[in-house]
N, C-alpha and C. Protein backbone atom coordinates (compact mmCIF):
# COMPACT_ATOMS: atom_id res chain seq x y z
N MET A 1 -158.15 -78.05 126.26
CA MET A 1 -156.82 -78.19 125.98
C MET A 1 -156.63 -79.42 125.17
N THR A 2 -156.25 -79.29 123.88
CA THR A 2 -155.98 -80.64 123.18
C THR A 2 -154.87 -81.43 123.61
N LYS A 3 -154.74 -82.79 123.19
CA LYS A 3 -153.84 -83.45 123.66
C LYS A 3 -152.55 -83.28 122.90
N GLN A 4 -152.41 -82.68 121.68
CA GLN A 4 -151.40 -82.19 121.00
C GLN A 4 -150.68 -81.11 121.72
N LEU A 5 -151.58 -80.07 121.98
CA LEU A 5 -151.14 -78.85 122.79
C LEU A 5 -150.58 -79.11 124.06
N LEU A 6 -150.98 -79.98 124.85
CA LEU A 6 -150.50 -80.40 126.13
C LEU A 6 -149.06 -81.13 125.83
N LEU A 7 -149.17 -82.00 124.92
CA LEU A 7 -147.66 -82.65 124.73
C LEU A 7 -146.67 -81.65 124.44
N ASP A 8 -146.95 -80.75 123.40
CA ASP A 8 -146.12 -79.64 123.03
C ASP A 8 -145.70 -78.81 124.25
N LEU A 9 -146.67 -78.44 125.03
CA LEU A 9 -146.41 -77.71 126.35
C LEU A 9 -145.45 -78.55 127.26
N THR A 10 -145.63 -79.67 127.42
CA THR A 10 -145.02 -80.60 128.31
C THR A 10 -143.52 -80.75 127.64
N GLU A 11 -143.27 -80.82 126.44
CA GLU A 11 -142.02 -81.01 125.82
C GLU A 11 -141.08 -79.69 125.78
N ARG A 12 -141.91 -78.62 125.62
CA ARG A 12 -141.21 -77.38 125.92
C ARG A 12 -140.86 -77.16 127.30
N ALA A 13 -141.64 -77.18 128.18
CA ALA A 13 -141.31 -76.99 129.60
C ALA A 13 -140.16 -78.04 130.11
N GLY A 14 -140.17 -79.24 129.77
CA GLY A 14 -139.19 -80.09 130.17
C GLY A 14 -137.83 -79.93 129.62
N TRP A 15 -137.94 -79.38 128.17
CA TRP A 15 -136.51 -79.15 127.60
C TRP A 15 -135.96 -77.84 128.32
N THR A 16 -136.87 -76.86 128.68
CA THR A 16 -136.51 -75.65 129.17
C THR A 16 -135.91 -75.87 130.59
N GLY A 17 -136.62 -76.71 131.29
CA GLY A 17 -136.21 -77.16 132.72
C GLY A 17 -134.83 -77.84 132.72
N ALA A 18 -134.61 -78.63 131.74
CA ALA A 18 -133.50 -79.58 131.53
C ALA A 18 -132.27 -78.52 131.40
N GLN A 19 -132.46 -77.78 130.35
CA GLN A 19 -131.22 -76.65 129.98
C GLN A 19 -131.12 -75.85 130.80
N ALA A 20 -132.01 -75.31 131.70
CA ALA A 20 -131.67 -74.41 132.88
C ALA A 20 -131.03 -75.15 133.97
N ALA A 21 -131.49 -76.38 134.39
CA ALA A 21 -130.67 -77.16 135.33
C ALA A 21 -129.32 -77.44 134.95
N LEU A 22 -128.92 -77.94 133.79
CA LEU A 22 -127.74 -78.15 133.31
C LEU A 22 -126.77 -77.01 133.31
N GLY A 23 -127.43 -75.96 132.85
CA GLY A 23 -126.76 -74.60 132.74
C GLY A 23 -126.16 -74.17 134.38
N LEU A 24 -127.12 -74.39 135.22
CA LEU A 24 -126.61 -74.19 136.65
C LEU A 24 -125.73 -75.19 137.11
N ALA A 25 -125.83 -76.45 136.74
CA ALA A 25 -124.93 -77.54 137.19
C ALA A 25 -123.53 -77.17 136.48
N VAL A 26 -123.34 -76.85 135.36
CA VAL A 26 -122.17 -76.54 134.83
C VAL A 26 -121.42 -75.38 135.38
N THR A 27 -122.19 -74.39 135.79
CA THR A 27 -121.37 -73.06 136.39
C THR A 27 -121.05 -73.65 137.82
N GLU A 28 -121.74 -74.17 138.47
CA GLU A 28 -121.37 -74.80 139.76
C GLU A 28 -120.12 -75.63 139.80
N LEU A 29 -120.11 -76.65 138.82
CA LEU A 29 -118.93 -77.52 138.46
C LEU A 29 -117.77 -76.80 138.22
N ALA A 30 -117.91 -75.71 137.29
CA ALA A 30 -116.82 -74.92 136.68
C ALA A 30 -116.42 -74.07 137.55
N ASP A 31 -117.07 -73.51 138.72
CA ASP A 31 -116.94 -72.59 139.73
C ASP A 31 -116.71 -71.14 139.21
N VAL A 32 -117.60 -70.81 138.29
CA VAL A 32 -117.97 -69.51 137.68
C VAL A 32 -119.12 -68.73 138.10
N PRO A 33 -119.26 -67.53 137.96
CA PRO A 33 -120.41 -66.78 138.50
C PRO A 33 -121.72 -67.49 137.86
N VAL A 34 -122.69 -67.45 138.67
CA VAL A 34 -124.12 -68.12 138.21
C VAL A 34 -124.63 -67.40 137.21
N TRP A 35 -124.37 -66.22 136.85
CA TRP A 35 -125.06 -65.55 135.67
C TRP A 35 -124.74 -66.11 134.39
N TRP A 36 -123.46 -67.05 134.30
CA TRP A 36 -123.16 -67.61 133.35
C TRP A 36 -124.03 -68.82 132.79
N ALA A 37 -124.99 -69.08 133.89
CA ALA A 37 -125.85 -70.31 133.61
C ALA A 37 -126.87 -69.96 132.41
N ALA A 38 -127.24 -68.58 132.29
CA ALA A 38 -128.14 -68.10 131.26
C ALA A 38 -127.51 -68.15 129.84
N PRO A 39 -126.44 -67.78 129.52
CA PRO A 39 -125.76 -68.03 128.36
C PRO A 39 -125.56 -69.45 127.89
N GLY A 40 -125.17 -70.31 129.00
CA GLY A 40 -125.14 -71.78 128.88
C GLY A 40 -126.18 -72.47 128.62
N ALA A 41 -127.38 -72.23 129.23
CA ALA A 41 -128.75 -72.62 128.78
C ALA A 41 -129.08 -72.14 127.42
N LEU A 42 -128.90 -71.10 127.04
CA LEU A 42 -129.05 -70.50 125.72
C LEU A 42 -128.45 -71.49 124.62
N ALA A 43 -127.14 -71.51 124.86
CA ALA A 43 -126.35 -72.41 123.96
C ALA A 43 -126.84 -73.85 124.02
N LEU A 44 -127.24 -74.53 125.03
CA LEU A 44 -128.06 -75.65 125.06
C LEU A 44 -129.10 -75.77 124.16
N ALA A 45 -130.05 -74.57 124.46
CA ALA A 45 -131.23 -74.57 123.81
C ALA A 45 -131.05 -74.48 122.13
N SER A 46 -130.04 -73.76 121.77
CA SER A 46 -129.76 -73.68 120.35
C SER A 46 -129.11 -74.95 119.71
N ALA A 47 -128.38 -75.62 120.68
CA ALA A 47 -127.89 -76.93 120.02
C ALA A 47 -128.87 -78.03 120.05
N LYS A 48 -129.74 -77.98 121.08
CA LYS A 48 -131.04 -78.96 120.86
C LYS A 48 -131.83 -78.72 119.76
N GLY A 49 -132.09 -77.31 119.37
CA GLY A 49 -133.04 -76.98 118.24
C GLY A 49 -132.23 -77.41 116.81
N TRP A 50 -130.98 -77.23 116.93
CA TRP A 50 -130.20 -77.62 115.63
C TRP A 50 -130.35 -79.17 115.49
N VAL A 51 -130.14 -80.10 116.56
CA VAL A 51 -130.05 -81.40 116.45
C VAL A 51 -131.38 -81.90 116.08
N ALA A 52 -132.44 -81.38 116.99
CA ALA A 52 -133.79 -81.94 116.53
C ALA A 52 -134.22 -81.52 115.17
N GLY A 53 -133.63 -80.37 114.57
CA GLY A 53 -134.17 -80.06 113.22
C GLY A 53 -133.53 -81.11 112.24
N ARG A 54 -132.54 -81.70 112.49
CA ARG A 54 -132.10 -82.66 111.66
C ARG A 54 -132.31 -84.04 111.88
N LEU A 55 -132.69 -84.35 113.10
CA LEU A 55 -132.93 -85.84 113.48
C LEU A 55 -134.47 -85.96 113.99
N GLY A 56 -135.00 -84.90 114.30
CA GLY A 56 -136.60 -85.13 114.60
C GLY A 56 -137.42 -84.76 113.54
N ARG A 57 -138.49 -84.21 113.74
CA ARG A 57 -139.57 -83.84 112.59
C ARG A 57 -138.93 -82.58 111.83
N LYS A 58 -138.89 -83.03 110.54
CA LYS A 58 -138.38 -82.01 109.49
C LYS A 58 -139.07 -80.70 109.72
N GLY A 59 -138.28 -79.61 109.43
CA GLY A 59 -138.97 -78.27 109.41
C GLY A 59 -139.14 -77.70 110.72
N THR A 60 -139.14 -78.34 111.89
CA THR A 60 -139.34 -77.88 113.19
C THR A 60 -138.18 -78.14 114.01
N ALA A 61 -138.09 -77.69 115.17
CA ALA A 61 -137.20 -77.85 116.20
C ALA A 61 -137.90 -78.78 117.26
N SER A 62 -138.88 -79.11 117.11
CA SER A 62 -139.55 -80.30 118.02
C SER A 62 -138.98 -81.78 118.02
N THR A 63 -139.09 -82.18 119.20
CA THR A 63 -138.53 -83.67 119.29
C THR A 63 -139.87 -84.51 119.47
N LEU A 64 -140.89 -83.95 119.39
CA LEU A 64 -142.24 -84.92 119.25
C LEU A 64 -142.33 -85.51 118.10
N PRO A 65 -142.82 -86.66 117.91
CA PRO A 65 -143.25 -87.33 116.70
C PRO A 65 -144.15 -86.55 116.00
N ALA A 66 -144.38 -86.64 114.63
CA ALA A 66 -145.29 -85.99 113.80
C ALA A 66 -146.72 -86.06 114.47
N SER A 67 -147.14 -87.31 114.82
CA SER A 67 -148.37 -87.65 115.25
C SER A 67 -148.84 -86.62 116.34
N ALA A 68 -147.90 -86.28 117.20
CA ALA A 68 -148.05 -85.52 118.45
C ALA A 68 -147.73 -83.99 118.39
N ASP A 69 -147.04 -83.63 117.13
CA ASP A 69 -146.82 -82.38 117.04
C ASP A 69 -147.68 -81.39 116.45
N PRO A 70 -148.09 -80.40 117.14
CA PRO A 70 -149.10 -79.21 116.83
C PRO A 70 -148.89 -78.83 115.35
N ALA A 71 -147.48 -78.64 115.03
CA ALA A 71 -147.19 -78.18 113.73
C ALA A 71 -147.47 -78.98 112.57
N THR A 72 -147.94 -80.24 112.90
CA THR A 72 -148.11 -80.99 111.78
C THR A 72 -149.67 -80.79 111.53
N LEU A 73 -150.05 -80.43 110.12
CA LEU A 73 -151.32 -80.08 109.68
C LEU A 73 -152.14 -81.31 109.88
N ALA A 74 -153.29 -80.90 110.47
CA ALA A 74 -154.32 -82.03 110.60
C ALA A 74 -155.04 -82.45 109.41
N ARG A 75 -155.11 -83.77 109.24
CA ARG A 75 -155.66 -84.40 108.01
C ARG A 75 -157.18 -84.11 108.02
N SER A 76 -157.60 -83.92 107.00
CA SER A 76 -159.09 -83.76 106.96
C SER A 76 -159.82 -85.32 106.86
N ALA A 77 -160.91 -85.26 107.36
CA ALA A 77 -161.64 -86.51 107.57
C ALA A 77 -162.59 -86.83 106.55
């Protein structure tokens, strides 16, 4: 497993966990049925992708820097 792949995997898992946890927290605080956590997490994931596409590495929804992003083409040595 390459370093870039491991960083990408960690980024994706971290964001997914954070979005799921926040979705559950919001449903608990709002006192609504827990099934609303899934659409809430989906909205958070979409918002994160939109923001990362404008502030992060151009052309991706990644928050990793270009040097660590597997979508960045490897430079020939």
